[in-house]
Protein backbone atom coordinates (compact mmCIF):
# COMPACT_ATOMS: atom_id res chain seq x y z
CA MET A 1 21.12 31.37 -0.42
CA LYS A 2 24.55 30.21 0.66
CA SER A 3 23.31 29.26 3.90
CA GLU A 4 20.42 27.16 3.20
CA LYS A 5 22.68 25.68 0.23
CA SER A 6 24.98 24.74 3.43
CA TRP A 7 22.47 23.33 5.69
CA LYS A 8 20.71 21.41 2.78
CA ARG A 9 24.72 19.43 2.45
CA PHE A 10 24.35 19.29 6.32
CA TYR A 11 21.20 17.64 6.41
CA LEU A 12 21.86 15.58 3.50
CA PHE A 13 24.78 13.51 5.09
CA LEU A 14 22.54 13.26 8.40
CA MET A 15 19.89 11.73 6.45
CA ILE A 16 22.36 9.26 4.45
CA PHE A 17 24.24 8.22 7.96
CA PHE A 18 20.77 8.25 10.25
CA CYS A 19 18.71 6.86 8.00
CA ALA A 20 20.78 4.49 5.73
CA ILE A 21 23.00 3.16 8.43
CA TYR A 22 22.51 3.97 11.92
CA VAL A 23 18.51 3.15 11.94
CA PRO A 24 19.00 -0.35 9.87
CA VAL A 25 21.84 -1.69 11.88
CA SER A 26 19.96 -1.01 15.31
CA LEU A 27 17.09 -2.35 14.04
CA LEU A 28 18.71 -5.43 12.96
CA GLU A 29 20.68 -5.81 16.22
CA TRP A 30 17.55 -5.75 18.01
CA LEU A 31 15.73 -8.52 16.07
CA GLY A 32 18.69 -10.56 15.96
CA GLY A 33 18.62 -10.28 20.09
CA ASP A 34 21.86 -8.42 20.93
CA GLY A 35 20.27 -5.46 22.31
CA GLY A 36 17.33 -3.44 23.63
CA ILE A 37 14.52 -1.78 21.86
CA PRO A 38 16.65 1.14 19.55
CA ILE A 39 14.30 3.99 20.89
CA THR A 40 16.90 6.29 20.20
CA ALA A 41 17.36 5.11 16.20
CA VAL A 42 13.29 5.14 16.10
CA VAL A 43 12.98 8.88 17.69
CA VAL A 44 16.22 10.13 15.24
CA GLY A 45 14.77 8.40 12.23
CA VAL A 46 11.46 9.68 12.69
CA ALA A 47 12.33 13.34 13.94
CA LEU A 48 15.33 14.34 11.52
CA PRO A 49 13.03 14.44 8.29
CA PHE A 50 10.92 17.52 10.41
CA ILE A 51 13.70 19.24 12.00
CA ARG A 52 15.25 19.44 8.29
CA LYS A 53 11.85 20.47 7.23
CA ASN A 54 11.59 23.29 9.77
CA ASN A 55 15.29 24.29 10.00
CA LEU A 56 14.78 25.30 5.88
CA THR A 57 11.70 26.77 6.24
CA GLN A 58 13.13 29.53 8.85
CA ILE A 59 15.76 29.56 6.92
CA LYS A 60 14.13 30.80 3.50
CA GLU A 61 11.58 32.69 5.49
CA LYS A 62 14.14 34.72 6.87
CA ARG A 63 15.48 35.33 3.84
CA ASN A 64 12.51 36.41 2.42
CA LYS A 65 12.33 39.22 5.56
CA GLU A 66 15.46 40.42 4.49
CA ALA A 67 14.95 40.61 0.59
């Protein structure tokens, strides 16, 4: 239970940073013509929610097997 809660907090901080700060800033820089296509920002912005869901599901399954 404690492990799941700490992972949820970790992913919350990652999601806030990447989805609210990094991805929009990268896209605005790209649209402004200051940089190249922000492939990394788009990939991370799309993949992070799936990574989070998969990891939390694995933690729940592991906890259920132990109980």
